[in-house]
Amino acid sequence: MKINVKQTLKEAASKYQATFQSLIWIAGLSFLGPLLSQILMVRMRSIQAGWEETTAFVVIGFFVMIILFAFMPRLSLVSMRLVRGIATGAPVPFKQAYNETKGKYWTLIGNSLLVGLIFVAPTAALSLLRLTITSIANVVISALGTTLFYTMLPLIAYEANTSSCLKRSFRMGKKNYWRILALVFITSTIFSLASATATLFLQGSNYLLLAGVIFAAVSFFMFPITQMLYYLIYRQLKPADPQPQEEA
């Protein structure tokens, strides 16, 4: 089955607009992480800190990263289930969605690391050659890795049996990699342009915090529509899986 890029974007925008009030609080799940990271980065770059103050920020930053690593992957799965409920007209409570993702944290982490090894390692190796063709190859490899996440993450989030999810995600995305990449590119381009514009026009230590807030705000509004795309892509490609698993 082939994904209809135009129709998928149209449906995602339609559902986003129709359920915006319900989606907006879910966006808060993505807002806190980028905002904390930006505030720490801005603070470190905008002051001439002494050794003690620098050490304190490094320690705080380390603990923030630990907290993000510990909670954000699980919350990402939770938000995907919440968005699916809203999209289908059958919303579920946060506690229920959280309980339904129990035991999937390490599945997500493990498979993400595998994807990294499959796609990042060749990219790093090719970069050492310093040839023009390697840059093109790296773009292609990175694109395939990105699109793989759009089939793998829904399998982990939505289904009770997550065994062989990486193999199944390859199978589901077959013949649709460039269509999925087009969806990713269109949505992420909006995010990238907004962030780049903020950085360009708000240069200087006095405006770094404002640029960080704008970056986090864009994440706040883009996160739900990205999660909606995960669901819509999964819904369209699931029939292509010859051995569909029971949804959790």
Protein backbone atom coordinates (compact mmCIF):
# COMPACT_ATOMS: atom_id res chain seq x y z
CA MET A 1 0.00 0.00 0.00
CA LYS A 2 1.30 3.45 -0.92
CA ILE A 3 0.93 6.49 1.31
CA ASN A 4 -0.85 9.49 -0.16
CA VAL A 5 1.34 12.36 1.06
CA LYS A 6 -1.09 15.15 0.21
CA GLN A 7 -4.09 13.38 1.74
CA THR A 8 -2.14 12.43 4.87
CA LEU A 9 -1.03 16.03 5.45
CA LYS A 10 -4.56 17.26 4.85
CA GLU A 11 -6.03 14.76 7.30
CA ALA A 12 -3.35 15.51 9.91
CA ALA A 13 -4.05 19.26 9.66
CA SER A 14 -7.80 18.67 9.79
CA LYS A 15 -7.60 16.47 12.90
CA TYR A 16 -5.10 18.86 14.49
CA GLN A 17 -7.46 21.78 13.99
CA ALA A 18 -10.56 19.88 15.12
CA THR A 19 -8.96 18.52 18.30
CA PHE A 20 -6.55 21.35 19.09
CA GLN A 21 -7.91 22.00 22.59
CA SER A 22 -7.50 18.33 23.47
CA LEU A 23 -4.05 18.12 21.91
CA ILE A 24 -2.64 21.27 23.44
CA TRP A 25 -2.04 19.84 26.90
CA ILE A 26 -0.29 16.83 25.36
CA ALA A 27 2.08 19.27 23.69
CA GLY A 28 3.21 20.23 27.18
CA LEU A 29 4.94 16.84 27.36
CA SER A 30 7.38 18.04 24.71
CA PHE A 31 7.60 21.64 25.89
CA LEU A 32 9.40 21.16 29.20
CA GLY A 33 12.42 19.25 27.87
CA PRO A 34 13.48 21.68 25.12
CA LEU A 35 12.74 24.67 27.34
CA LEU A 36 14.92 23.40 30.20
CA SER A 37 17.72 22.52 27.78
CA GLN A 38 17.58 25.92 26.09
CA ILE A 39 17.53 27.82 29.39
CA LEU A 40 20.59 25.92 30.63
CA MET A 41 22.44 26.46 27.34
CA VAL A 42 21.59 30.14 27.24
CA ARG A 43 22.60 30.62 30.85
CA MET A 44 25.96 28.94 30.30
CA ARG A 45 26.71 30.99 27.17
CA SER A 46 25.51 34.36 28.44
CA ILE A 47 27.52 34.65 31.66
CA GLN A 48 31.18 34.73 32.46
CA ALA A 49 30.92 32.19 35.21
CA GLY A 50 33.55 31.34 37.74
CA TRP A 51 34.67 27.76 38.33
CA GLU A 52 32.10 27.08 41.06
CA GLU A 53 29.18 28.47 39.08
CA THR A 54 30.25 26.63 35.92
CA THR A 55 30.53 23.37 37.87
CA ALA A 56 27.05 23.92 39.32
CA PHE A 57 25.53 24.41 35.86
CA VAL A 58 27.31 21.33 34.52
CA VAL A 59 25.95 19.25 37.40
CA ILE A 60 22.44 20.64 36.94
CA GLY A 61 22.64 20.07 33.19
CA PHE A 62 23.77 16.49 33.77
CA PHE A 63 20.79 15.77 36.03
CA VAL A 64 18.40 17.41 33.55
CA MET A 65 19.73 15.13 30.80
CA ILE A 66 19.32 12.10 33.08
CA ILE A 67 15.72 13.08 33.83
CA LEU A 68 14.97 13.61 30.12
CA PHE A 69 16.51 10.25 29.24
CA ALA A 70 14.56 8.53 32.00
CA PHE A 71 11.13 10.01 31.27
CA MET A 72 10.91 11.45 27.73
CA PRO A 73 11.00 8.14 25.79
CA ARG A 74 8.13 6.74 27.88
CA LEU A 75 6.21 10.00 27.67
CA SER A 76 6.64 9.97 23.90
CA LEU A 77 4.94 6.57 23.75
CA VAL A 78 2.23 7.78 26.12
CA SER A 79 1.56 10.87 23.99
CA MET A 80 1.26 8.69 20.87
CA ARG A 81 -1.46 6.64 22.54
CA LEU A 82 -3.22 9.78 23.75
CA VAL A 83 -3.14 11.30 20.27
CA ARG A 84 -4.45 8.09 18.72
CA GLY A 85 -7.36 8.12 21.16
CA ILE A 86 -8.18 11.72 20.28
CA ALA A 87 -7.83 11.07 16.54
CA THR A 88 -10.22 8.10 16.68
CA GLY A 89 -12.76 9.89 18.87
CA ALA A 90 -12.10 7.59 21.82
CA PRO A 91 -9.79 9.55 24.15
CA VAL A 92 -8.13 7.69 27.01
CA PRO A 93 -7.00 9.07 30.40
CA PHE A 94 -3.31 9.81 30.90
CA LYS A 95 -3.01 7.16 33.63
CA GLN A 96 -4.44 4.48 31.34
CA ALA A 97 -2.13 5.44 28.48
CA TYR A 98 0.83 5.44 30.88
CA ASN A 99 -0.03 1.98 32.23
CA GLU A 100 -0.48 0.63 28.70
CA THR A 101 3.12 1.55 27.82
CA LYS A 102 4.52 -0.30 30.82
CA GLY A 103 7.48 -2.49 29.89
CA LYS A 104 8.06 -0.74 26.54
CA TYR A 105 10.77 1.68 27.65
CA TRP A 106 13.71 -0.64 27.05
CA THR A 107 12.14 -1.95 23.84
CA LEU A 108 12.15 1.61 22.55
CA ILE A 109 15.69 2.33 23.78
CA GLY A 110 17.09 -0.96 22.48
CA ASN A 111 15.55 -0.68 19.03
CA SER A 112 16.55 2.98 18.77
CA LEU A 113 20.16 2.00 19.47
CA LEU A 114 19.93 -0.71 16.81
CA VAL A 115 18.66 1.83 14.29
CA GLY A 116 21.55 4.08 15.26
CA LEU A 117 24.07 1.28 14.69
CA ILE A 118 22.48 0.34 11.36
CA PHE A 119 22.41 3.87 9.96
CA VAL A 120 24.80 6.06 11.97
CA ALA A 121 27.80 3.74 11.79
CA PRO A 122 27.86 3.64 7.95
CA THR A 123 27.37 7.42 7.89
CA ALA A 124 30.36 7.95 10.19
CA ALA A 125 32.49 5.53 8.16
CA LEU A 126 31.62 7.22 4.87
CA SER A 127 32.38 10.65 6.34
CA LEU A 128 36.00 9.63 6.82
CA LEU A 129 36.40 9.30 3.04
CA ARG A 130 35.74 13.04 2.52
CA LEU A 131 34.30 12.54 -0.98
CA THR A 132 31.38 14.42 -2.56
CA ILE A 133 29.50 11.20 -3.21
CA THR A 134 29.74 10.29 0.47
CA SER A 135 27.76 13.39 1.42
CA ILE A 136 24.93 12.29 -0.86
CA ALA A 137 25.13 8.77 0.53
CA ASN A 138 24.98 10.12 4.09
CA VAL A 139 21.84 12.10 3.28
CA VAL A 140 20.18 8.98 1.86
CA ILE A 141 21.21 6.83 4.83
CA SER A 142 20.04 9.44 7.35
CA ALA A 143 16.73 9.78 5.49
CA LEU A 144 16.11 6.05 5.60
CA GLY A 145 16.92 5.97 9.32
CA THR A 146 14.52 8.82 10.02
CA THR A 147 11.67 7.23 8.10
CA LEU A 148 12.22 3.94 9.90
CA PHE A 149 11.33 5.61 13.20
CA TYR A 150 7.96 6.61 11.75
CA THR A 151 7.02 2.96 11.34
CA MET A 152 8.87 1.51 14.34
CA LEU A 153 7.66 3.85 17.10
CA PRO A 154 3.93 3.29 16.44
CA LEU A 155 4.48 -0.48 16.53
CA ILE A 156 6.02 -0.13 19.98
CA ALA A 157 3.45 2.37 21.24
CA TYR A 158 0.26 0.78 19.90
CA GLU A 159 0.76 -2.98 19.92
CA ALA A 160 0.82 -5.49 22.74
CA ASN A 161 3.46 -7.74 21.14
CA THR A 162 6.53 -5.70 20.24
CA SER A 163 8.79 -8.61 19.27
CA SER A 164 10.46 -8.26 15.87
CA CYS A 165 9.18 -4.67 15.66
CA LEU A 166 12.32 -3.50 13.84
CA LYS A 167 11.97 -6.20 11.19
CA ARG A 168 8.26 -5.48 10.83
CA SER A 169 8.88 -1.74 10.55
CA PHE A 170 11.22 -2.37 7.61
CA ARG A 171 8.52 -4.49 6.00
CA MET A 172 5.75 -1.95 6.61
CA GLY A 173 7.77 0.96 5.25
CA LYS A 174 8.82 -0.89 2.11
CA LYS A 175 8.13 1.17 -1.04
CA ASN A 176 7.07 4.13 1.13
CA TYR A 177 10.39 5.42 2.48
CA TRP A 178 10.46 8.50 0.26
CA ARG A 179 6.80 9.29 0.90
CA ILE A 180 7.36 9.11 4.64
CA LEU A 181 10.49 11.23 4.23
CA ALA A 182 8.44 13.82 2.35
CA LEU A 183 6.02 14.04 5.29
CA VAL A 184 8.91 14.35 7.75
CA PHE A 185 10.64 16.98 5.60
CA ILE A 186 7.53 19.14 5.19
CA THR A 187 6.71 19.18 8.90
CA SER A 188 10.28 19.47 10.18
CA THR A 189 11.08 22.25 7.69
CA ILE A 190 8.51 24.48 9.39
CA PHE A 191 10.19 23.80 12.71
CA SER A 192 13.71 24.34 11.35
CA LEU A 193 12.85 27.61 9.59
CA ALA A 194 11.22 29.05 12.71
CA SER A 195 14.18 28.04 14.88
CA ALA A 196 16.75 29.33 12.37
CA THR A 197 14.90 32.64 12.01
CA ALA A 198 14.81 33.10 15.77
CA THR A 199 18.53 32.36 16.04
CA LEU A 200 19.40 34.69 13.14
CA PHE A 201 17.48 37.74 14.33
CA LEU A 202 18.02 37.25 18.06
CA GLN A 203 21.78 36.92 18.15
CA GLY A 204 23.66 38.16 21.17
CA SER A 205 23.53 37.18 24.83
CA ASN A 206 20.63 39.53 25.57
CA TYR A 207 18.34 37.66 23.21
CA LEU A 208 19.48 34.05 23.61
CA LEU A 209 16.80 33.31 26.21
CA LEU A 210 14.08 34.71 23.93
CA ALA A 211 15.39 32.58 21.05
CA GLY A 212 15.27 29.56 23.34
CA VAL A 213 11.69 30.31 24.33
CA ILE A 214 10.69 30.63 20.64
CA PHE A 215 12.41 27.30 19.91
CA ALA A 216 10.49 25.62 22.72
CA ALA A 217 7.21 27.27 21.66
CA VAL A 218 7.58 25.96 18.10
CA SER A 219 8.21 22.49 19.57
CA PHE A 220 5.05 22.96 21.63
CA PHE A 221 2.85 23.42 18.55
CA MET A 222 4.67 21.02 16.21
CA PHE A 223 4.79 18.05 18.59
CA PRO A 224 1.07 17.08 18.38
CA ILE A 225 0.98 17.17 14.57
CA THR A 226 4.11 15.01 14.45
CA GLN A 227 2.44 12.52 16.78
CA MET A 228 -0.65 12.63 14.57
CA LEU A 229 1.50 11.73 11.56
CA TYR A 230 2.86 8.72 13.43
CA TYR A 231 -0.69 7.45 13.88
CA LEU A 232 -1.83 8.18 10.32
CA ILE A 233 1.24 6.53 8.79
CA TYR A 234 0.77 3.47 11.00
CA ARG A 235 -2.93 3.24 10.14
CA GLN A 236 -2.19 3.28 6.42
CA LEU A 237 0.72 0.84 6.51
CA LYS A 238 -0.56 -1.68 9.02
CA PRO A 239 -2.45 -3.70 6.34
CA ALA A 240 0.92 -4.20 4.61
CA ASP A 241 2.12 -6.25 7.59
CA PRO A 242 1.41 -9.91 6.77
CA GLN A 243 1.47 -10.81 10.45
CA PRO A 244 -0.35 -7.98 12.24
CA GLN A 245 -0.15 -8.03 16.00
CA GLU A 246 -2.95 -7.37 18.44
CA GLU A 247 -3.21 -3.74 19.41
CA ALA A 248 -2.75 -3.00 23.09
